Protein backbone atom coordinates (compact mmCIF):
# COMPACT_ATOMS: atom_id res chain seq x y z
CA MET A 1 -13.07 6.19 8.01
CA SER A 2 -14.44 9.79 7.68
CA GLU A 3 -16.67 10.69 4.74
CA ILE A 4 -14.94 14.19 4.74
CA LEU A 5 -11.23 13.93 4.20
CA PRO A 6 -8.85 16.16 6.14
CA THR A 7 -7.05 18.63 4.13
CA PHE A 8 -3.69 16.92 4.97
CA ALA A 9 -2.24 14.17 6.87
CA SER A 10 1.15 13.37 8.19
CA ARG A 11 3.18 10.13 7.22
CA ILE A 12 5.00 8.20 9.93
CA ALA A 13 7.87 5.63 9.07
CA TYR A 14 7.84 2.45 10.78
CA LYS A 15 10.28 -0.53 10.24
CA ASP A 16 7.34 -3.16 11.01
CA LEU A 17 4.22 -1.86 9.55
CA ARG A 18 2.05 -4.80 10.64
CA ALA A 19 3.19 -4.35 14.17
CA ALA A 20 2.62 -0.66 14.09
CA VAL A 21 -0.99 -1.09 12.86
CA GLU A 22 -1.90 -3.59 15.39
CA TRP A 23 -0.17 -1.75 18.30
CA LEU A 24 -2.05 1.68 17.16
CA GLN A 25 -5.35 -0.14 17.18
CA LYS A 26 -4.85 -1.79 20.54
CA ALA A 27 -3.15 1.29 22.29
CA PHE A 28 -4.93 4.20 20.98
CA GLY A 29 -8.00 2.80 19.25
CA PHE A 30 -7.19 3.75 15.70
CA LYS A 31 -9.11 2.07 12.98
CA PRO A 32 -6.90 0.87 10.12
CA ALA A 33 -7.16 0.73 6.30
CA PHE A 34 -4.08 -0.73 4.48
CA ALA A 35 -2.68 -2.21 1.42
CA THR A 36 -0.68 -5.39 1.12
CA ASP A 37 1.49 -6.92 -1.36
CA LYS A 38 1.10 -10.46 -3.07
CA ASP A 39 2.67 -11.97 0.08
CA GLY A 40 0.34 -10.25 2.41
CA ASN A 41 2.98 -7.65 3.87
CA ILE A 42 1.47 -4.35 4.72
CA VAL A 43 3.18 -1.72 2.28
CA TYR A 44 1.00 1.25 3.09
CA ALA A 45 -1.60 2.02 5.90
CA GLU A 46 -3.91 4.80 7.14
CA MET A 47 -4.72 5.03 10.87
CA TRP A 48 -7.98 6.77 11.37
CA TYR A 49 -9.39 8.36 14.55
CA GLY A 50 -12.41 10.46 14.40
CA ASN A 51 -12.08 12.47 11.13
CA GLY A 52 -8.21 12.45 11.21
CA TYR A 53 -5.73 10.03 10.05
CA VAL A 54 -2.01 9.41 9.64
CA THR A 55 -0.38 7.38 7.11
CA LEU A 56 2.31 4.75 7.88
CA GLY A 57 5.03 3.58 5.48
CA GLY A 58 8.54 2.21 5.59
CA GLU A 59 11.77 4.16 5.84
CA TRP A 60 12.86 6.09 2.75
CA GLU A 61 16.38 7.38 2.19
CA ASN A 62 15.63 10.51 3.99
CA VAL A 63 12.74 9.39 6.28
CA LYS A 64 13.67 7.32 9.26
CA THR A 65 12.22 6.05 12.35
CA PRO A 66 13.42 7.43 15.86
CA GLY A 67 15.33 4.13 16.36
CA SER A 68 17.38 4.83 13.07
CA ILE A 69 18.40 8.53 14.15
CA GLY A 70 19.23 7.75 17.69
CA GLY A 71 15.90 8.00 19.34
CA ALA A 72 15.13 11.61 18.23
CA ASN A 73 11.72 12.86 16.97
CA THR A 74 11.39 15.37 14.41
CA GLN A 75 7.73 15.74 14.87
CA THR A 76 4.85 14.77 17.40
CA VAL A 77 1.27 13.71 16.43
CA HIS A 78 -1.37 15.29 18.62
CA VAL A 79 -4.79 13.46 18.95
CA THR A 80 -7.87 15.07 20.46
CA LEU A 81 -10.10 12.63 22.21
CA GLU A 82 -13.67 13.23 23.48
CA GLU A 83 -13.56 10.61 26.03
CA ASP A 84 -11.61 10.38 29.19
CA VAL A 85 -7.93 10.97 28.64
CA ASP A 86 -6.92 9.38 31.80
CA ASP A 87 -8.60 6.00 30.85
CA HIS A 88 -6.88 6.39 27.45
CA CYS A 89 -3.52 6.74 29.06
CA GLN A 90 -4.08 3.68 31.06
CA ARG A 91 -5.15 1.63 27.84
CA ALA A 92 -1.80 2.90 26.13
CA ARG A 93 0.17 1.88 29.09
CA THR A 94 -1.23 -1.40 29.25
CA ALA A 95 -0.47 -1.91 25.70
CA GLY A 96 3.20 -1.18 26.17
CA ALA A 97 3.47 2.54 25.61
CA ALA A 98 6.16 4.35 27.46
CA ILE A 99 4.25 7.30 29.16
CA VAL A 100 6.65 10.30 29.01
CA GLU A 101 4.24 12.55 30.83
CA GLU A 102 1.34 11.53 32.84
CA PRO A 103 -1.97 13.26 32.02
CA GLU A 104 -2.07 16.77 33.46
CA ASP A 105 -4.18 19.94 32.98
CA LYS A 106 -2.50 22.47 30.71
CA PHE A 107 -2.68 26.37 30.86
CA HIS A 108 -4.33 26.27 27.52
CA GLY A 109 -7.41 24.23 28.70
CA GLU A 110 -6.29 20.73 27.67
CA ARG A 111 -5.70 17.84 29.81
CA ASN A 112 -3.05 15.63 28.03
CA TYR A 113 -0.32 13.04 28.24
CA ARG A 114 2.69 12.13 26.14
CA ALA A 115 3.62 8.46 25.04
CA LEU A 116 6.12 6.87 22.98
CA ASP A 117 5.04 4.01 20.86
CA PRO A 118 7.25 0.98 20.35
CA GLU A 119 9.32 2.46 17.58
CA GLY A 120 9.94 5.64 19.46
CA HIS A 121 7.45 8.03 17.91
CA MET A 122 5.83 10.60 20.28
CA TRP A 123 2.19 11.06 20.64
CA ILE A 124 0.41 13.74 22.55
CA ILE A 125 -3.10 12.53 23.67
CA GLY A 126 -5.49 15.30 24.95
CA GLN A 127 -8.86 16.29 25.87
CA THR A 128 -10.40 19.86 26.02
CA VAL A 129 -11.45 20.41 29.40
CA ARG A 130 -12.09 24.16 29.18
CA THR A 131 -12.43 26.27 26.11
CA MET A 132 -10.23 29.37 26.74
CA THR A 133 -10.16 32.89 24.88
CA ASN A 134 -6.85 34.20 23.76
CA GLU A 135 -6.95 36.67 26.61
CA GLU A 136 -7.24 33.97 29.16
CA ILE A 137 -4.34 32.07 27.74
CA GLU A 138 -2.23 35.07 27.56
CA ALA A 139 -3.02 35.87 31.10
CA ALA A 140 -1.88 32.17 32.08
CA MET A 141 1.34 32.66 30.17
CA PRO A 142 2.74 36.24 30.70
CA GLY A 143 4.67 37.72 28.01
CA MET A 144 2.84 35.32 25.50
CA LYS A 145 0.77 36.85 22.59
CA ILE A 146 -1.69 34.64 20.80
CA TRP A 147 -2.15 35.08 17.08
CA ARG A 148 -4.78 33.18 15.08
CA SER A 149 -5.95 34.06 11.65
CA GLU A 150 -9.74 33.99 11.17
CA GLY A 151 -11.52 31.80 8.77
């Protein structure tokens, strides 16, 4: 876990928290921290990668897994790697990820792939292969205007 906590983290609902924790470790290399009840069931988990993390919990009345809402995703989680994204994709595939998009270089300087975990959550795993200026990105995508606040 990081000594510096990120300002915010996303929460992802899973029906089987123990399976999710184990799978995210195996497929993506996350490092877990979790709490269990008196029977040893995981009731809350944090899955760390670098200085970022996501929290895992069960479904709530208005927070569902993709499988509970017809397979739809209302968010994606983007993870930035330092190591080889192609090797990471193969690791995820071997662990059972459904690779939705194979690794490919994108116009904005990242090489990434998209994968679904066993409960249907969409993950985008990427690696910066070229740092690009706003002007270079705009040139690659005619009609696009990049706006970034400073600081």
